[in-house]
PDB file of N, CA and C in Angstrom:
ATOM      1  N   UNK A   1     -35.584  24.710  56.279  1.00  0.00           N
ATOM      2  CA  UNK A   1     -35.757  23.271  56.313  1.00  0.00           C
ATOM      3  C   UNK A   1     -34.374  22.618  56.289  1.00  0.00           C
ATOM      4  N   UNK A   2     -34.207  21.568  57.043  1.00  0.00           N
ATOM      5  CA  UNK A   2     -32.933  20.855  57.097  1.00  0.00           C
ATOM      6  C   UNK A   2     -32.645  20.205  55.748  1.00  0.00           C
ATOM      7  N   UNK A   3     -31.359  20.140  55.417  1.00  0.00           N
ATOM      8  CA  UNK A   3     -30.940  19.643  54.104  1.00  0.00           C
ATOM      9  C   UNK A   3     -31.398  18.209  53.859  1.00  0.00           C
ATOM     10  N   UNK A   4     -31.251  17.346  54.852  1.00  0.00           N
ATOM     11  CA  UNK A   4     -31.627  15.939  54.669  1.00  0.00           C
ATOM     12  C   UNK A   4     -33.136  15.804  54.428  1.00  0.00           C
ATOM     13  N   UNK A   5     -33.926  16.552  55.182  1.00  0.00           N
ATOM     14  CA  UNK A   5     -35.383  16.508  55.022  1.00  0.00           C
ATOM     15  C   UNK A   5     -35.795  17.086  53.667  1.00  0.00           C
ATOM     16  N   UNK A   6     -35.136  18.161  53.250  1.00  0.00           N
ATOM     17  CA  UNK A   6     -35.458  18.767  51.963  1.00  0.00           C
ATOM     18  C   UNK A   6     -35.108  17.825  50.815  1.00  0.00           C
ATOM     19  N   UNK A   7     -33.972  17.162  50.902  1.00  0.00           N
ATOM     20  CA  UNK A   7     -33.580  16.221  49.847  1.00  0.00           C
ATOM     21  C   UNK A   7     -34.609  15.095  49.733  1.00  0.00           C
ATOM     22  N   UNK A   8     -35.070  14.585  50.860  1.00  0.00           N
ATOM     23  CA  UNK A   8     -36.093  13.531  50.840  1.00  0.00           C
ATOM     24  C   UNK A   8     -37.399  14.057  50.253  1.00  0.00           C
ATOM     25  N   UNK A   9     -37.760  15.293  50.583  1.00  0.00           N
ATOM     26  CA  UNK A   9     -39.017  15.863  50.092  1.00  0.00           C
ATOM     27  C   UNK A   9     -38.994  16.109  48.588  1.00  0.00           C
ATOM     28  N   UNK A  10     -37.873  16.634  48.068  1.00  0.00           N
ATOM     29  CA  UNK A  10     -37.846  16.958  46.641  1.00  0.00           C
ATOM     30  C   UNK A  10     -37.772  15.711  45.766  1.00  0.00           C
ATOM     31  N   UNK A  11     -37.442  14.583  46.344  1.00  0.00           N
ATOM     32  CA  UNK A  11     -37.466  13.344  45.558  1.00  0.00           C
ATOM     33  C   UNK A  11     -38.902  12.968  45.181  1.00  0.00           C
ATOM     34  N   UNK A  12     -39.873  13.417  45.974  1.00  0.00           N
ATOM     35  CA  UNK A  12     -41.275  13.106  45.676  1.00  0.00           C
ATOM     36  C   UNK A  12     -42.060  14.315  45.183  1.00  0.00           C
ATOM     37  N   UNK A  13     -41.704  15.509  45.639  1.00  0.00           N
ATOM     38  CA  UNK A  13     -42.437  16.719  45.262  1.00  0.00           C
ATOM     39  C   UNK A  13     -41.442  17.789  44.850  1.00  0.00           C
ATOM     40  N   UNK A  14     -41.413  18.104  43.562  1.00  0.00           N
ATOM     41  CA  UNK A  14     -40.373  18.986  43.034  1.00  0.00           C
ATOM     42  C   UNK A  14     -40.803  20.436  42.920  1.00  0.00           C
ATOM     43  N   UNK A  15     -42.067  20.734  43.177  1.00  0.00           N
ATOM     44  CA  UNK A  15     -42.526  22.115  43.108  1.00  0.00           C
ATOM     45  C   UNK A  15     -42.559  22.726  44.504  1.00  0.00           C
ATOM     46  N   UNK A  16     -42.676  24.042  44.538  1.00  0.00           N
ATOM     47  CA  UNK A  16     -42.797  24.799  45.786  1.00  0.00           C
ATOM     48  C   UNK A  16     -41.604  24.600  46.716  1.00  0.00           C
ATOM     49  N   UNK A  17     -40.406  24.625  46.147  1.00  0.00           N
ATOM     50  CA  UNK A  17     -39.176  24.537  46.929  1.00  0.00           C
ATOM     51  C   UNK A  17     -38.659  25.956  47.110  1.00  0.00           C
ATOM     52  N   UNK A  18     -38.573  26.398  48.347  1.00  0.00           N
ATOM     53  CA  UNK A  18     -38.090  27.744  48.622  1.00  0.00           C
ATOM     54  C   UNK A  18     -36.654  27.885  48.108  1.00  0.00           C
ATOM     55  N   UNK A  19     -36.381  28.979  47.417  1.00  0.00           N
ATOM     56  CA  UNK A  19     -35.079  29.172  46.778  1.00  0.00           C
ATOM     57  C   UNK A  19     -33.946  29.168  47.801  1.00  0.00           C
ATOM     58  N   UNK A  20     -34.146  29.821  48.934  1.00  0.00           N
ATOM     59  CA  UNK A  20     -33.088  29.867  49.951  1.00  0.00           C
ATOM     60  C   UNK A  20     -32.783  28.467  50.486  1.00  0.00           C
ATOM     61  N   UNK A  21     -33.810  27.625  50.643  1.00  0.00           N
ATOM     62  CA  UNK A  21     -33.594  26.239  51.071  1.00  0.00           C
ATOM     63  C   UNK A  21     -32.861  25.449  49.991  1.00  0.00           C
ATOM     64  N   UNK A  22     -33.208  25.705  48.735  1.00  0.00           N
ATOM     65  CA  UNK A  22     -32.574  25.015  47.612  1.00  0.00           C
ATOM     66  C   UNK A  22     -31.083  25.341  47.551  1.00  0.00           C
ATOM     67  N   UNK A  23     -30.738  26.617  47.731  1.00  0.00           N
ATOM     68  CA  UNK A  23     -29.326  27.029  47.732  1.00  0.00           C
ATOM     69  C   UNK A  23     -28.596  26.370  48.901  1.00  0.00           C
ATOM     70  N   UNK A  24     -29.218  26.337  50.074  1.00  0.00           N
ATOM     71  CA  UNK A  24     -28.596  25.699  51.239  1.00  0.00           C
ATOM     72  C   UNK A  24     -28.359  24.214  50.978  1.00  0.00           C
ATOM     73  N   UNK A  25     -29.294  23.548  50.306  1.00  0.00           N
ATOM     74  CA  UNK A  25     -29.138  22.129  49.971  1.00  0.00           C
ATOM     75  C   UNK A  25     -27.990  21.928  48.990  1.00  0.00           C
ATOM     76  N   UNK A  26     -27.926  22.775  47.975  1.00  0.00           N
ATOM     77  CA  UNK A  26     -26.842  22.689  46.995  1.00  0.00           C
ATOM     78  C   UNK A  26     -25.487  22.811  47.690  1.00  0.00           C
ATOM     79  N   UNK A  27     -25.373  23.774  48.592  1.00  0.00           N
ATOM     80  CA  UNK A  27     -24.108  23.975  49.308  1.00  0.00           C
ATOM     81  C   UNK A  27     -23.822  22.823  50.265  1.00  0.00           C
ATOM     82  N   UNK A  28     -24.858  22.251  50.881  1.00  0.00           N
ATOM     83  CA  UNK A  28     -24.669  21.109  51.781  1.00  0.00           C
ATOM     84  C   UNK A  28     -24.204  19.868  51.023  1.00  0.00           C
ATOM     85  N   UNK A  29     -24.516  19.804  49.735  1.00  0.00           N
ATOM     86  CA  UNK A  29     -24.075  18.682  48.905  1.00  0.00           C
ATOM     87  C   UNK A  29     -22.646  18.866  48.393  1.00  0.00           C
ATOM     88  N   UNK A  30     -22.014  19.989  48.733  1.00  0.00           N
ATOM     89  CA  UNK A  30     -20.617  20.203  48.365  1.00  0.00           C
ATOM     90  C   UNK A  30     -20.393  21.133  47.195  1.00  0.00           C
ATOM     91  N   UNK A  31     -21.446  21.706  46.639  1.00  0.00           N
ATOM     92  CA  UNK A  31     -21.295  22.675  45.557  1.00  0.00           C
ATOM     93  C   UNK A  31     -20.829  24.005  46.140  1.00  0.00           C
ATOM     94  N   UNK A  32     -20.031  24.719  45.374  1.00  0.00           N
ATOM     95  CA  UNK A  32     -19.596  26.055  45.781  1.00  0.00           C
ATOM     96  C   UNK A  32     -20.022  27.061  44.720  1.00  0.00           C
ATOM     97  N   UNK A  33     -20.322  28.268  45.179  1.00  0.00           N
ATOM     98  CA  UNK A  33     -20.729  29.334  44.274  1.00  0.00           C
ATOM     99  C   UNK A  33     -19.563  29.665  43.364  1.00  0.00           C
ATOM    100  N   UNK A  34     -19.810  29.687  42.061  1.00  0.00           N
ATOM    101  CA  UNK A  34     -18.761  29.958  41.084  1.00  0.00           C
ATOM    102  C   UNK A  34     -18.875  31.374  40.531  1.00  0.00           C
ATOM    103  N   UNK A  35     -20.056  31.732  40.034  1.00  0.00           N
ATOM    104  CA  UNK A  35     -20.230  33.073  39.465  1.00  0.00           C
ATOM    105  C   UNK A  35     -21.714  33.374  39.311  1.00  0.00           C
ATOM    106  N   UNK A  36     -21.997  34.653  39.053  1.00  0.00           N
ATOM    107  CA  UNK A  36     -23.368  35.071  38.783  1.00  0.00           C
ATOM    108  C   UNK A  36     -23.370  35.995  37.589  1.00  0.00           C
ATOM    109  N   UNK A  37     -24.325  35.781  36.705  1.00  0.00           N
ATOM    110  CA  UNK A  37     -24.491  36.648  35.540  1.00  0.00           C
ATOM    111  C   UNK A  37     -25.981  36.944  35.426  1.00  0.00           C
ATOM    112  N   UNK A  38     -26.345  38.177  35.738  1.00  0.00           N
ATOM    113  CA  UNK A  38     -27.760  38.527  35.789  1.00  0.00           C
ATOM    114  C   UNK A  38     -28.414  37.790  36.940  1.00  0.00           C
ATOM    115  N   UNK A  39     -29.503  37.102  36.662  1.00  0.00           N
ATOM    116  CA  UNK A  39     -30.199  36.352  37.710  1.00  0.00           C
ATOM    117  C   UNK A  39     -29.703  34.912  37.820  1.00  0.00           C
ATOM    118  N   UNK A  40     -28.827  34.489  36.914  1.00  0.00           N
ATOM    119  CA  UNK A  40     -28.337  33.110  36.897  1.00  0.00           C
ATOM    120  C   UNK A  40     -27.110  32.959  37.787  1.00  0.00           C
ATOM    121  N   UNK A  41     -27.180  31.980  38.682  1.00  0.00           N
ATOM    122  CA  UNK A  41     -26.048  31.656  39.553  1.00  0.00           C
ATOM    123  C   UNK A  41     -25.494  30.303  39.133  1.00  0.00           C
ATOM    124  N   UNK A  42     -24.184  30.206  39.102  1.00  0.00           N
ATOM    125  CA  UNK A  42     -23.540  28.938  38.752  1.00  0.00           C
ATOM    126  C   UNK A  42     -22.863  28.370  39.991  1.00  0.00           C
ATOM    127  N   UNK A  43     -23.116  27.102  40.257  1.00  0.00           N
ATOM    128  CA  UNK A  43     -22.487  26.381  41.361  1.00  0.00           C
ATOM    129  C   UNK A  43     -21.711  25.215  40.770  1.00  0.00           C
ATOM    130  N   UNK A  44     -20.532  24.967  41.317  1.00  0.00           N
ATOM    131  CA  UNK A  44     -19.639  23.933  40.816  1.00  0.00           C
ATOM    132  C   UNK A  44     -19.311  22.949  41.938  1.00  0.00           C
ATOM    133  N   UNK A  45     -19.207  21.684  41.573  1.00  0.00           N
ATOM    134  CA  UNK A  45     -18.838  20.639  42.535  1.00  0.00           C
ATOM    135  C   UNK A  45     -17.453  20.120  42.156  1.00  0.00           C
ATOM    136  N   UNK A  46     -16.641  19.709  43.129  1.00  0.00           N
ATOM    137  CA  UNK A  46     -15.307  19.181  42.810  1.00  0.00           C
ATOM    138  C   UNK A  46     -15.322  17.986  41.851  1.00  0.00           C
ATOM    139  N   UNK A  47     -16.436  17.254  41.779  1.00  0.00           N
ATOM    140  CA  UNK A  47     -16.518  16.102  40.868  1.00  0.00           C
ATOM    141  C   UNK A  47     -16.699  16.535  39.416  1.00  0.00           C
ATOM    142  N   UNK A  48     -16.958  17.830  39.191  1.00  0.00           N
ATOM    143  CA  UNK A  48     -17.122  18.337  37.836  1.00  0.00           C
ATOM    144  C   UNK A  48     -18.539  18.756  37.487  1.00  0.00           C
ATOM    145  N   UNK A  49     -19.489  18.453  38.341  1.00  0.00           N
ATOM    146  CA  UNK A  49     -20.881  18.832  38.080  1.00  0.00           C
ATOM    147  C   UNK A  49     -21.050  20.344  38.213  1.00  0.00           C
ATOM    148  N   UNK A  50     -21.858  20.915  37.324  1.00  0.00           N
ATOM    149  CA  UNK A  50     -22.155  22.348  37.348  1.00  0.00           C
ATOM    150  C   UNK A  50     -23.668  22.515  37.334  1.00  0.00           C
ATOM    151  N   UNK A  51     -24.169  23.381  38.212  1.00  0.00           N
ATOM    152  CA  UNK A  51     -25.596  23.697  38.246  1.00  0.00           C
ATOM    153  C   UNK A  51     -25.782  25.180  38.016  1.00  0.00           C
ATOM    154  N   UNK A  52     -26.664  25.525  37.108  1.00  0.00           N
ATOM    155  CA  UNK A  52     -27.063  26.912  36.892  1.00  0.00           C
ATOM    156  C   UNK A  52     -28.480  27.053  37.416  1.00  0.00           C
ATOM    157  N   UNK A  53     -28.667  27.976  38.350  1.00  0.00           N
ATOM    158  CA  UNK A  53     -29.989  28.147  38.946  1.00  0.00           C
ATOM    159  C   UNK A  53     -30.389  29.608  38.918  1.00  0.00           C
ATOM    160  N   UNK A  54     -31.702  29.834  38.985  1.00  0.00           N
ATOM    161  CA  UNK A  54     -32.202  31.189  39.155  1.00  0.00           C
ATOM    162  C   UNK A  54     -33.509  31.128  39.927  1.00  0.00           C
ATOM    163  N   UNK A  55     -33.764  32.204  40.635  1.00  0.00           N
ATOM    164  CA  UNK A  55     -34.949  32.311  41.464  1.00  0.00           C
ATOM    165  C   UNK A  55     -36.151  32.691  40.606  1.00  0.00           C
ATOM    166  N   UNK A  56     -37.301  32.169  40.957  1.00  0.00           N
ATOM    167  CA  UNK A  56     -38.539  32.513  40.260  1.00  0.00           C
ATOM    168  C   UNK A  56     -39.625  32.715  41.313  1.00  0.00           C
ATOM    169  N   UNK A  57     -39.867  33.964  41.675  1.00  0.00           N
ATOM    170  CA  UNK A  57     -40.897  34.251  42.674  1.00  0.00           C
ATOM    171  C   UNK A  57     -40.591  33.677  44.037  1.00  0.00           C
ATOM    172  N   UNK A  58     -39.318  33.640  44.420  1.00  0.00           N
ATOM    173  CA  UNK A  58     -38.929  33.117  45.727  1.00  0.00           C
ATOM    174  C   UNK A  58     -38.781  31.609  45.779  1.00  0.00           C
ATOM    175  N   UNK A  59     -38.981  30.942  44.648  1.00  0.00           N
ATOM    176  CA  UNK A  59     -38.886  29.485  44.610  1.00  0.00           C
ATOM    177  C   UNK A  59     -37.891  29.034  43.549  1.00  0.00           C
ATOM    178  N   UNK A  60     -37.411  27.806  43.721  1.00  0.00           N
ATOM    179  CA  UNK A  60     -36.530  27.202  42.721  1.00  0.00           C
ATOM    180  C   UNK A  60     -37.394  26.674  41.583  1.00  0.00           C
ATOM    181  N   UNK A  61     -36.865  26.725  40.382  1.00  0.00           N
ATOM    182  CA  UNK A  61     -37.598  26.190  39.232  1.00  0.00           C
ATOM    183  C   UNK A  61     -37.551  24.662  39.290  1.00  0.00           C
ATOM    184  N   UNK A  62     -38.669  24.027  38.976  1.00  0.00           N
ATOM    185  CA  UNK A  62     -38.764  22.576  39.144  1.00  0.00           C
ATOM    186  C   UNK A  62     -37.783  21.819  38.254  1.00  0.00           C
ATOM    187  N   UNK A  63     -37.504  22.323  37.055  1.00  0.00           N
ATOM    188  CA  UNK A  63     -36.552  21.608  36.196  1.00  0.00           C
ATOM    189  C   UNK A  63     -35.142  21.673  36.772  1.00  0.00           C
ATOM    190  N   UNK A  64     -34.839  22.720  37.530  1.00  0.00           N
ATOM    191  CA  UNK A  64     -33.527  22.818  38.164  1.00  0.00           C
ATOM    192  C   UNK A  64     -33.435  21.881  39.366  1.00  0.00           C
ATOM    193  N   UNK A  65     -34.553  21.648  40.035  1.00  0.00           N
ATOM    194  CA  UNK A  65     -34.593  20.661  41.114  1.00  0.00           C
ATOM    195  C   UNK A  65     -34.309  19.278  40.526  1.00  0.00           C
ATOM    196  N   UNK A  66     -34.894  18.986  39.369  1.00  0.00           N
ATOM    197  CA  UNK A  66     -34.657  17.706  38.689  1.00  0.00           C
ATOM    198  C   UNK A  66     -33.184  17.580  38.306  1.00  0.00           C
ATOM    199  N   UNK A  67     -32.581  18.656  37.806  1.00  0.00           N
ATOM    200  CA  UNK A  67     -31.159  18.629  37.441  1.00  0.00           C
ATOM    201  C   UNK A  67     -30.291  18.322  38.658  1.00  0.00           C
ATOM    202  N   UNK A  68     -30.638  18.887  39.815  1.00  0.00           N
ATOM    203  CA  UNK A  68     -29.880  18.597  41.034  1.00  0.00           C
ATOM    204  C   UNK A  68     -30.007  17.122  41.390  1.00  0.00           C
ATOM    205  N   UNK A  69     -31.213  16.585  41.341  1.00  0.00           N
ATOM    206  CA  UNK A  69     -31.414  15.169  41.665  1.00  0.00           C
ATOM    207  C   UNK A  69     -30.654  14.262  40.701  1.00  0.00           C
ATOM    208  N   UNK A  70     -30.612  14.630  39.430  1.00  0.00           N
ATOM    209  CA  UNK A  70     -29.854  13.845  38.450  1.00  0.00           C
ATOM    210  C   UNK A  70     -28.365  13.868  38.779  1.00  0.00           C
ATOM    211  N   UNK A  71     -27.844  15.013  39.203  1.00  0.00           N
ATOM    212  CA  UNK A  71     -26.427  15.112  39.578  1.00  0.00           C
ATOM    213  C   UNK A  71     -26.150  14.292  40.830  1.00  0.00           C
ATOM    214  N   UNK A  72     -27.061  14.335  41.797  1.00  0.00           N
ATOM    215  CA  UNK A  72     -26.900  13.551  43.029  1.00  0.00           C
ATOM    216  C   UNK A  72     -26.814  12.070  42.685  1.00  0.00           C
ATOM    217  N   UNK A  73     -27.697  11.602  41.827  1.00  0.00           N
ATOM    218  CA  UNK A  73     -27.710  10.182  41.459  1.00  0.00           C
ATOM    219  C   UNK A  73     -26.527   9.803  40.567  1.00  0.00           C
ATOM    220  N   UNK A  74     -26.195  10.645  39.597  1.00  0.00           N
ATOM    221  CA  UNK A  74     -25.125  10.329  38.646  1.00  0.00           C
ATOM    222  C   UNK A  74     -23.750  10.303  39.310  1.00  0.00           C
ATOM    223  N   UNK A  75     -23.519  11.223  40.232  1.00  0.00           N
ATOM    224  CA  UNK A  75     -22.198  11.342  40.853  1.00  0.00           C
ATOM    225  C   UNK A  75     -22.149  10.755  42.260  1.00  0.00           C
ATOM    226  N   UNK A  76     -23.259  10.257  42.763  1.00  0.00           N
ATOM    227  CA  UNK A  76     -23.291   9.681  44.105  1.00  0.00           C
ATOM    228  C   UNK A  76     -23.001  10.705  45.189  1.00  0.00           C
ATOM    229  N   UNK A  77     -23.523  11.911  45.026  1.00  0.00           N
ATOM    230  CA  UNK A  77     -23.257  12.982  45.985  1.00  0.00           C
ATOM    231  C   UNK A  77     -23.984  12.725  47.298  1.00  0.00           C
ATOM    232  N   UNK A  78     -23.336  13.083  48.398  1.00  0.00           N
ATOM    233  CA  UNK A  78     -23.937  12.934  49.721  1.00  0.00           C
ATOM    234  C   UNK A  78     -23.831  14.251  50.468  1.00  0.00           C
ATOM    235  N   UNK A  79     -24.641  14.380  51.495  1.00  0.00           N
ATOM    236  CA  UNK A  79     -24.624  15.596  52.307  1.00  0.00           C
ATOM    237  C   UNK A  79     -23.376  15.628  53.171  1.00  0.00           C
ATOM    238  N   UNK A  80     -22.875  16.831  53.413  1.00  0.00           N
ATOM    239  CA  UNK A  80     -21.677  16.997  54.256  1.00  0.00           C
ATOM    240  C   UNK A  80     -21.985  16.626  55.682  1.00  0.00           C
TER     241      UNK A  80
END
Protein backbone atom coordinates (compact mmCIF):
# COMPACT_ATOMS: atom_id res chain seq x y z
CA UNK A 1 0.00 0.00 0.00
CA UNK A 2 1.28 3.48 -0.81
CA UNK A 3 2.54 5.49 2.15
CA UNK A 4 0.12 8.41 1.68
CA UNK A 5 -2.90 6.09 1.42
CA UNK A 6 -1.77 4.07 4.43
CA UNK A 7 -1.29 7.19 6.55
CA UNK A 8 -4.82 8.34 5.68
CA UNK A 9 -6.22 4.88 6.46
CA UNK A 10 -4.55 4.47 9.85
CA UNK A 11 -5.93 7.81 11.00
CA UNK A 12 -9.38 6.18 10.99
CA UNK A 13 -8.64 2.45 11.36
CA UNK A 14 -5.66 1.46 13.48
CA UNK A 15 -6.04 -2.32 13.41
CA UNK A 16 -5.07 -4.79 10.68
CA UNK A 17 -2.06 -2.81 9.45
CA UNK A 18 0.38 -5.08 7.66
CA UNK A 19 3.77 -4.88 9.39
CA UNK A 20 5.74 -4.51 6.15
CA UNK A 21 3.50 -1.58 5.12
CA UNK A 22 3.92 -0.03 8.57
CA UNK A 23 7.73 -0.22 8.32
CA UNK A 24 7.61 1.31 4.83
CA UNK A 25 5.45 4.17 6.18
CA UNK A 26 7.83 4.78 9.08
CA UNK A 27 10.77 4.99 6.67
CA UNK A 28 8.81 7.23 4.27
CA UNK A 29 8.25 9.63 7.18
CA UNK A 30 12.03 9.97 7.59
CA UNK A 31 12.73 7.47 10.37
CA UNK A 32 15.84 5.33 10.03
CA UNK A 33 16.48 1.91 11.50
CA UNK A 34 18.61 2.30 14.62
CA UNK A 35 18.89 -1.15 16.22
CA UNK A 36 17.13 -4.42 16.94
CA UNK A 37 17.02 -6.36 20.18
CA UNK A 38 15.06 -9.58 19.98
CA UNK A 39 11.81 -8.85 18.17
CA UNK A 40 11.90 -5.11 19.00
CA UNK A 41 13.11 -2.72 16.31
CA UNK A 42 14.02 0.87 17.10
CA UNK A 43 13.62 3.63 14.52
CA UNK A 44 14.94 7.14 15.04
CA UNK A 45 13.99 10.42 13.36
CA UNK A 46 16.37 13.41 13.02
CA UNK A 47 13.89 15.51 15.06
CA UNK A 48 14.54 13.25 18.06
CA UNK A 49 11.48 11.00 17.91
CA UNK A 50 12.09 7.30 18.60
CA UNK A 51 9.70 4.46 17.77
CA UNK A 52 10.02 0.93 19.10
CA UNK A 53 7.99 -1.56 17.10
CA UNK A 54 7.51 -5.29 16.89
CA UNK A 55 5.58 -7.59 14.63
CA UNK A 56 2.57 -9.51 15.93
CA UNK A 57 1.27 -12.16 13.55
CA UNK A 58 2.34 -10.20 10.47
CA UNK A 59 0.66 -7.01 11.66
CA UNK A 60 1.68 -3.88 13.53
CA UNK A 61 0.38 -3.52 17.06
CA UNK A 62 -2.39 -0.93 17.26
CA UNK A 63 -0.82 0.98 20.16
CA UNK A 64 2.34 1.39 18.09
CA UNK A 65 0.27 2.78 15.21
CA UNK A 66 -1.13 5.32 17.70
CA UNK A 67 2.42 6.20 18.83
CA UNK A 68 3.40 6.86 15.20
CA UNK A 69 0.38 9.12 14.69
CA UNK A 70 1.21 11.02 17.88
CA UNK A 71 4.78 11.58 16.64
CA UNK A 72 3.50 12.73 13.23
CA UNK A 73 1.21 15.28 14.89
CA UNK A 74 3.64 16.39 17.63
CA UNK A 75 6.62 16.93 15.32
CA UNK A 76 4.75 17.87 12.14
CA UNK A 77 6.31 15.00 10.19
CA UNK A 78 5.57 14.73 6.48
CA UNK A 79 6.17 12.08 3.86
CA UNK A 80 9.35 12.29 1.80
